[in-house]
Amino acid sequence: MSTYQLPELPYSYEALEPHFDKETMTIHHQRHHQAYVDNLNKALEGTDAAGKSLEAILKKISQYSPAVRNNGGGHYNHSLFWNTLSPTPQTAPSGKLAEAINTRFGSLDDLKAEIKKSGLGQFGSGWAWLIVKFNGSLEITATANQDNPLMDTQLVSRGFPILGVDVWEHAYYLKYQNKRADYLDAFWSVLDWAAVEKNYNEAISKL
């Protein structure tokens, strides 16, 4: 069975300052994400997961233990999250993704408002998502804890996540305290739409 490893960040821990602070990024990556990776590897021991991708495991997560669900989701979600952030981001989508956003939500500003609403509306820990549903349409949704829309335990809005906002308190509390709205506003200053477009194109190719 392949062993999952903590991915290196494509930027330094202080690179997203002042929007995301160095201390939070360091703890979030080195401690929280590392723990998900370590616990996922332990949870998969003795299962039939050998040779399966993490995406394939998550799509059939109901067949696995809660530990695989929690830690597999944690590893997948954070890996996607890190790779959509950049100190020099493309600040708006282009091409087919921009067209799809305008068609579905009206404008980029409307999409941002909906994601903020979704993030603020998530009670407790969880994530807000922009996904490509399995029918190819865009949708904004939220999940609790480390669940994500790939999982077959999700009753509505299943699909491929292309953008995720971590609204666990550990993602923002050192800098923003209880001001989740301020954190959600700051997120757009470091979100790289080029990475989201890449995720979108990959999702469309799997349909």
C-alpha atoms as a PDB file:
ATOM      1  CA  MET A   1       0.000   0.000   0.000  1.00  0.00           C
ATOM      2  CA  SER A   2       1.266   3.456  -0.877  1.00  0.00           C
ATOM      3  CA  THR A   3       1.972   5.721   2.064  1.00  0.00           C
ATOM      4  CA  TYR A   4       0.633   9.249   1.910  1.00  0.00           C
ATOM      5  CA  GLN A   5       3.010  12.088   2.675  1.00  0.00           C
ATOM      6  CA  LEU A   6       2.654  15.727   3.638  1.00  0.00           C
ATOM      7  CA  PRO A   7       3.001  17.793   0.453  1.00  0.00           C
ATOM      8  CA  GLU A   8       5.420  20.693   0.471  1.00  0.00           C
ATOM      9  CA  LEU A   9       3.884  24.116   0.067  1.00  0.00           C
ATOM     10  CA  PRO A  10       4.672  25.894  -3.224  1.00  0.00           C
ATOM     11  CA  TYR A  11       5.560  29.057  -1.252  1.00  0.00           C
ATOM     12  CA  SER A  12       7.093  29.963   2.116  1.00  0.00           C
ATOM     13  CA  TYR A  13       5.036  30.149   5.295  1.00  0.00           C
ATOM     14  CA  GLU A  14       5.303  33.936   5.398  1.00  0.00           C
ATOM     15  CA  ALA A  15       4.577  34.409   1.677  1.00  0.00           C
ATOM     16  CA  LEU A  16       0.856  35.061   2.141  1.00  0.00           C
ATOM     17  CA  GLU A  17       1.343  37.857   4.673  1.00  0.00           C
ATOM     18  CA  PRO A  18      -0.434  40.036   5.643  1.00  0.00           C
ATOM     19  CA  HIS A  19      -3.569  38.134   4.660  1.00  0.00           C
ATOM     20  CA  PHE A  20      -2.573  34.747   6.114  1.00  0.00           C
ATOM     21  CA  ASP A  21       0.046  35.015   8.849  1.00  0.00           C
ATOM     22  CA  LYS A  22       3.232  32.949   9.064  1.00  0.00           C
ATOM     23  CA  GLU A  23       2.470  31.377  12.443  1.00  0.00           C
ATOM     24  CA  THR A  24      -0.959  30.135  11.403  1.00  0.00           C
ATOM     25  CA  MET A  25       0.368  28.769   8.112  1.00  0.00           C
ATOM     26  CA  THR A  26       3.205  26.947   9.872  1.00  0.00           C
ATOM     27  CA  ILE A  27       0.991  25.332  12.506  1.00  0.00           C
ATOM     28  CA  HIS A  28      -1.776  24.591  10.012  1.00  0.00           C
ATOM     29  CA  HIS A  29       0.575  22.792   7.620  1.00  0.00           C
ATOM     30  CA  GLN A  30       3.169  21.192   9.900  1.00  0.00           C
ATOM     31  CA  ARG A  31       0.844  20.082  12.697  1.00  0.00           C
ATOM     32  CA  HIS A  32      -2.743  19.857  11.503  1.00  0.00           C
ATOM     33  CA  HIS A  33      -2.142  18.582   7.978  1.00  0.00           C
ATOM     34  CA  GLN A  34       0.695  16.324   9.103  1.00  0.00           C
ATOM     35  CA  ALA A  35      -1.594  14.754  11.689  1.00  0.00           C
ATOM     36  CA  TYR A  36      -4.197  13.986   9.019  1.00  0.00           C
ATOM     37  CA  VAL A  37      -1.554  12.301   6.866  1.00  0.00           C
ATOM     38  CA  ASP A  38      -0.151  10.238   9.741  1.00  0.00           C
ATOM     39  CA  ASN A  39      -3.582   9.155  10.946  1.00  0.00           C
ATOM     40  CA  LEU A  40      -4.776   8.366   7.421  1.00  0.00           C
ATOM     41  CA  ASN A  41      -1.851   6.009   6.883  1.00  0.00           C
ATOM     42  CA  LYS A  42      -2.662   4.244  10.146  1.00  0.00           C
ATOM     43  CA  ALA A  43      -6.371   4.042   9.353  1.00  0.00           C
ATOM     44  CA  LEU A  44      -5.774   2.473   5.934  1.00  0.00           C
ATOM     45  CA  GLU A  45      -3.669  -0.374   7.294  1.00  0.00           C
ATOM     46  CA  GLY A  46      -5.418  -3.667   6.658  1.00  0.00           C
ATOM     47  CA  THR A  47      -7.991  -2.237   4.247  1.00  0.00           C
ATOM     48  CA  ASP A  48      -8.472  -2.839   0.518  1.00  0.00           C
ATOM     49  CA  ALA A  49      -7.156   0.625  -0.334  1.00  0.00           C
ATOM     50  CA  ALA A  50      -3.895  -0.564  -1.891  1.00  0.00           C
ATOM     51  CA  GLY A  51      -3.539   0.855  -5.393  1.00  0.00           C
ATOM     52  CA  LYS A  52      -6.547   3.147  -5.078  1.00  0.00           C
ATOM     53  CA  SER A  53      -6.273   6.898  -5.386  1.00  0.00           C
ATOM     54  CA  LEU A  54      -7.447   9.052  -2.523  1.00  0.00           C
ATOM     55  CA  GLU A  55     -10.170  10.417  -4.811  1.00  0.00           C
ATOM     56  CA  ALA A  56     -11.433   6.868  -5.452  1.00  0.00           C
ATOM     57  CA  ILE A  57     -11.421   6.110  -1.721  1.00  0.00           C
ATOM     58  CA  LEU A  58     -13.377   9.261  -0.912  1.00  0.00           C
ATOM     59  CA  LYS A  59     -15.995   8.503  -3.568  1.00  0.00           C
ATOM     60  CA  LYS A  60     -16.702   5.230  -1.721  1.00  0.00           C
ATOM     61  CA  ILE A  61     -15.991   6.555   1.771  1.00  0.00           C
ATOM     62  CA  SER A  62     -19.077   4.867   3.236  1.00  0.00           C
ATOM     63  CA  GLN A  63     -17.181   1.583   2.866  1.00  0.00           C
ATOM     64  CA  TYR A  64     -14.398   2.763   5.177  1.00  0.00           C
ATOM     65  CA  SER A  65     -14.003   3.644   8.835  1.00  0.00           C
ATOM     66  CA  PRO A  66     -14.719   7.082  10.319  1.00  0.00           C
ATOM     67  CA  ALA A  67     -10.955   7.476  10.748  1.00  0.00           C
ATOM     68  CA  VAL A  68     -10.408   7.113   7.000  1.00  0.00           C
ATOM     69  CA  ARG A  69     -13.255   9.533   6.343  1.00  0.00           C
ATOM     70  CA  ASN A  70     -11.964  12.185   8.745  1.00  0.00           C
ATOM     71  CA  ASN A  71      -8.272  11.930   7.922  1.00  0.00           C
ATOM     72  CA  GLY A  72      -8.618  11.147   4.231  1.00  0.00           C
ATOM     73  CA  GLY A  73     -10.842  14.181   3.901  1.00  0.00           C
ATOM     74  CA  GLY A  74      -8.409  16.254   5.914  1.00  0.00           C
ATOM     75  CA  HIS A  75      -5.505  15.295   3.670  1.00  0.00           C
ATOM     76  CA  TYR A  76      -7.421  15.808   0.430  1.00  0.00           C
ATOM     77  CA  ASN A  77      -9.042  19.076   1.481  1.00  0.00           C
ATOM     78  CA  HIS A  78      -5.848  20.695   2.711  1.00  0.00           C
ATOM     79  CA  SER A  79      -3.838  19.561  -0.311  1.00  0.00           C
ATOM     80  CA  LEU A  80      -6.376  21.262  -2.576  1.00  0.00           C
ATOM     81  CA  PHE A  81      -6.501  24.347  -0.337  1.00  0.00           C
ATOM     82  CA  TRP A  82      -2.724  24.953  -0.318  1.00  0.00           C
ATOM     83  CA  ASN A  83      -2.468  24.602  -4.077  1.00  0.00           C
ATOM     84  CA  THR A  84      -5.102  27.232  -4.788  1.00  0.00           C
ATOM     85  CA  LEU A  85      -3.263  29.899  -2.771  1.00  0.00           C
ATOM     86  CA  SER A  86      -0.444  32.094  -4.022  1.00  0.00           C
ATOM     87  CA  PRO A  87       1.466  35.238  -2.996  1.00  0.00           C
ATOM     88  CA  THR A  88       1.101  36.378  -6.632  1.00  0.00           C
ATOM     89  CA  PRO A  89      -2.343  35.124  -7.596  1.00  0.00           C
ATOM     90  CA  GLN A  90      -4.329  35.508 -10.774  1.00  0.00           C
ATOM     91  CA  THR A  91      -7.082  37.665  -9.316  1.00  0.00           C
ATOM     92  CA  ALA A  92      -9.980  36.625 -11.540  1.00  0.00           C
ATOM     93  CA  PRO A  93     -11.011  33.592 -13.571  1.00  0.00           C
ATOM     94  CA  SER A  94     -10.808  33.568 -17.338  1.00  0.00           C
ATOM     95  CA  GLY A  95     -11.946  31.459 -20.259  1.00  0.00           C
ATOM     96  CA  LYS A  96     -14.555  28.759 -19.817  1.00  0.00           C
ATOM     97  CA  LEU A  97     -14.555  28.965 -16.023  1.00  0.00           C
ATOM     98  CA  ALA A  98     -15.302  32.705 -16.124  1.00  0.00           C
ATOM     99  CA  GLU A  99     -18.142  32.026 -18.564  1.00  0.00           C
ATOM    100  CA  ALA A 100     -19.525  29.256 -16.364  1.00  0.00           C
ATOM    101  CA  ILE A 101     -19.382  31.481 -13.266  1.00  0.00           C
ATOM    102  CA  ASN A 102     -21.171  34.341 -15.011  1.00  0.00           C
ATOM    103  CA  THR A 103     -23.820  31.978 -16.350  1.00  0.00           C
ATOM    104  CA  ARG A 104     -24.433  30.241 -13.030  1.00  0.00           C
ATOM    105  CA  PHE A 105     -23.998  33.073 -10.509  1.00  0.00           C
ATOM    106  CA  GLY A 106     -24.283  36.303 -12.507  1.00  0.00           C
ATOM    107  CA  SER A 107     -20.816  37.662 -11.748  1.00  0.00           C
ATOM    108  CA  LEU A 108     -17.617  36.957  -9.846  1.00  0.00           C
ATOM    109  CA  ASP A 109     -18.739  39.282  -7.060  1.00  0.00           C
ATOM    110  CA  ASP A 110     -21.970  37.312  -6.726  1.00  0.00           C
ATOM    111  CA  LEU A 111     -19.997  34.079  -6.477  1.00  0.00           C
ATOM    112  CA  LYS A 112     -17.763  35.561  -3.778  1.00  0.00           C
ATOM    113  CA  ALA A 113     -20.801  36.703  -1.831  1.00  0.00           C
ATOM    114  CA  GLU A 114     -22.355  33.236  -2.024  1.00  0.00           C
ATOM    115  CA  ILE A 115     -19.169  31.513  -0.865  1.00  0.00           C
ATOM    116  CA  LYS A 116     -18.867  33.962   2.031  1.00  0.00           C
ATOM    117  CA  LYS A 117     -22.478  33.276   2.961  1.00  0.00           C
ATOM    118  CA  SER A 118     -21.815  29.550   2.802  1.00  0.00           C
ATOM    119  CA  GLY A 119     -18.687  29.848   4.938  1.00  0.00           C
ATOM    120  CA  LEU A 120     -20.378  32.009   7.536  1.00  0.00           C
ATOM    121  CA  GLY A 121     -23.370  29.697   7.592  1.00  0.00           C
ATOM    122  CA  GLN A 122     -21.301  26.607   8.374  1.00  0.00           C
ATOM    123  CA  PHE A 123     -21.915  26.041  12.090  1.00  0.00           C
ATOM    124  CA  GLY A 124     -18.699  24.942  13.755  1.00  0.00           C
ATOM    125  CA  SER A 125     -15.859  23.424  11.772  1.00  0.00           C
ATOM    126  CA  GLY A 126     -16.032  22.718   8.075  1.00  0.00           C
ATOM    127  CA  TRP A 127     -15.477  23.979   4.556  1.00  0.00           C
ATOM    128  CA  ALA A 128     -17.172  26.109   1.905  1.00  0.00           C
ATOM    129  CA  TRP A 129     -16.799  24.821  -1.648  1.00  0.00           C
ATOM    130  CA  LEU A 130     -17.118  25.651  -5.297  1.00  0.00           C
ATOM    131  CA  ILE A 131     -17.648  22.348  -7.088  1.00  0.00           C
ATOM    132  CA  VAL A 132     -18.268  20.910 -10.515  1.00  0.00           C
ATOM    133  CA  LYS A 133     -21.272  18.650 -10.050  1.00  0.00           C
ATOM    134  CA  PHE A 134     -21.242  15.297 -11.788  1.00  0.00           C
ATOM    135  CA  ASN A 135     -23.598  16.786 -14.412  1.00  0.00           C
ATOM    136  CA  GLY A 136     -21.010  19.481 -15.237  1.00  0.00           C
ATOM    137  CA  SER A 137     -22.698  22.469 -13.582  1.00  0.00           C
ATOM    138  CA  LEU A 138     -21.135  24.678 -10.907  1.00  0.00           C
ATOM    139  CA  GLU A 139     -22.475  24.692  -7.372  1.00  0.00           C
ATOM    140  CA  ILE A 140     -21.568  26.295  -4.030  1.00  0.00           C
ATOM    141  CA  THR A 141     -21.970  24.109  -0.976  1.00  0.00           C
ATOM    142  CA  ALA A 142     -20.559  23.505   2.501  1.00  0.00           C
ATOM    143  CA  THR A 143     -19.552  20.422   4.468  1.00  0.00           C
ATOM    144  CA  ALA A 144     -18.919  19.768   8.126  1.00  0.00           C
ATOM    145  CA  ASN A 145     -15.612  18.717   9.644  1.00  0.00           C
ATOM    146  CA  GLN A 146     -13.285  17.264   6.953  1.00  0.00           C
ATOM    147  CA  ASP A 147     -16.029  15.970   4.685  1.00  0.00           C
ATOM    148  CA  ASN A 148     -16.066  17.067   1.053  1.00  0.00           C
ATOM    149  CA  PRO A 149     -18.451  16.828  -1.898  1.00  0.00           C
ATOM    150  CA  LEU A 150     -16.682  13.814  -3.412  1.00  0.00           C
ATOM    151  CA  MET A 151     -17.880  11.596  -0.583  1.00  0.00           C
ATOM    152  CA  ASP A 152     -20.815   9.268  -1.139  1.00  0.00           C
ATOM    153  CA  THR A 153     -22.006  10.184   2.362  1.00  0.00           C
ATOM    154  CA  GLN A 154     -23.027  13.621   1.079  1.00  0.00           C
ATOM    155  CA  LEU A 155     -26.736  13.644   0.310  1.00  0.00           C
ATOM    156  CA  VAL A 156     -26.780  16.794  -1.840  1.00  0.00           C
ATOM    157  CA  SER A 157     -24.392  18.691  -4.100  1.00  0.00           C
ATOM    158  CA  ARG A 158     -21.898  15.953  -4.841  1.00  0.00           C
ATOM    159  CA  GLY A 159     -19.130  16.690  -7.295  1.00  0.00           C
ATOM    160  CA  PHE A 160     -15.493  17.583  -7.804  1.00  0.00           C
ATOM    161  CA  PRO A 161     -14.193  20.342  -5.492  1.00  0.00           C
ATOM    162  CA  ILE A 162     -12.263  23.005  -7.420  1.00  0.00           C
ATOM    163  CA  LEU A 163     -12.079  25.670  -4.692  1.00  0.00           C
ATOM    164  CA  GLY A 164     -12.339  25.159  -0.955  1.00  0.00           C
ATOM    165  CA  VAL A 165     -12.219  27.588   1.956  1.00  0.00           C
ATOM    166  CA  ASP A 166     -11.198  26.099   5.290  1.00  0.00           C
ATOM    167  CA  VAL A 167     -13.437  27.545   8.009  1.00  0.00           C
ATOM    168  CA  TRP A 168     -12.049  25.533  10.881  1.00  0.00           C
ATOM    169  CA  GLU A 169     -10.950  27.989  13.561  1.00  0.00           C
ATOM    170  CA  HIS A 170      -7.371  26.714  13.349  1.00  0.00           C
ATOM    171  CA  ALA A 171      -7.225  28.205   9.843  1.00  0.00           C
ATOM    172  CA  TYR A 172      -7.695  31.773  11.020  1.00  0.00           C
ATOM    173  CA  TYR A 173      -8.014  32.217  14.794  1.00  0.00           C
ATOM    174  CA  LEU A 174      -4.490  33.437  15.580  1.00  0.00           C
ATOM    175  CA  LYS A 175      -4.901  36.425  13.270  1.00  0.00           C
ATOM    176  CA  TYR A 176      -8.645  36.964  12.976  1.00  0.00           C
ATOM    177  CA  GLN A 177      -9.892  35.555  16.304  1.00  0.00           C
ATOM    178  CA  ASN A 178     -13.654  35.078  15.980  1.00  0.00           C
ATOM    179  CA  LYS A 179     -13.913  37.305  12.889  1.00  0.00           C
ATOM    180  CA  ARG A 180     -14.555  34.594  10.325  1.00  0.00           C
ATOM    181  CA  ALA A 181     -16.021  37.159   7.924  1.00  0.00           C
ATOM    182  CA  ASP A 182     -12.735  39.098   7.830  1.00  0.00           C
ATOM    183  CA  TYR A 183     -10.830  35.884   7.110  1.00  0.00           C
ATOM    184  CA  LEU A 184     -13.225  35.011   4.301  1.00  0.00           C
ATOM    185  CA  ASP A 185     -12.725  38.462   2.799  1.00  0.00           C
ATOM    186  CA  ALA A 186      -8.917  38.113   3.033  1.00  0.00           C
ATOM    187  CA  PHE A 187      -9.041  34.740   1.296  1.00  0.00           C
ATOM    188  CA  TRP A 188      -9.700  36.356  -2.075  1.00  0.00           C
ATOM    189  CA  SER A 189      -6.429  38.300  -1.869  1.00  0.00           C
ATOM    190  CA  VAL A 190      -4.414  35.063  -1.976  1.00  0.00           C
ATOM    191  CA  LEU A 191      -6.675  32.818  -4.074  1.00  0.00           C
ATOM    192  CA  ASP A 192      -5.047  31.975  -7.409  1.00  0.00           C
ATOM    193  CA  TRP A 193      -7.750  31.640 -10.036  1.00  0.00           C
ATOM    194  CA  ALA A 194      -5.225  30.047 -12.402  1.00  0.00           C
ATOM    195  CA  ALA A 195      -5.093  27.071 -10.025  1.00  0.00           C
ATOM    196  CA  VAL A 196      -8.891  26.983  -9.780  1.00  0.00           C
ATOM    197  CA  GLU A 197      -9.128  27.009 -13.584  1.00  0.00           C
ATOM    198  CA  LYS A 198      -6.746  24.040 -13.690  1.00  0.00           C
ATOM    199  CA  ASN A 199      -8.962  22.188 -11.207  1.00  0.00           C
ATOM    200  CA  TYR A 200     -12.032  23.091 -13.252  1.00  0.00           C
ATOM    201  CA  ASN A 201     -10.546  21.767 -16.484  1.00  0.00           C
ATOM    202  CA  GLU A 202      -9.455  18.555 -14.788  1.00  0.00           C
ATOM    203  CA  ALA A 203     -12.922  18.080 -13.291  1.00  0.00           C
ATOM    204  CA  ILE A 204     -14.624  18.616 -16.645  1.00  0.00           C
ATOM    205  CA  SER A 205     -12.302  16.054 -18.230  1.00  0.00           C
ATOM    206  CA  LYS A 206     -13.482  13.408 -15.740  1.00  0.00           C
ATOM    207  CA  LEU A 207     -17.171  13.782 -16.531  1.00  0.00           C
END
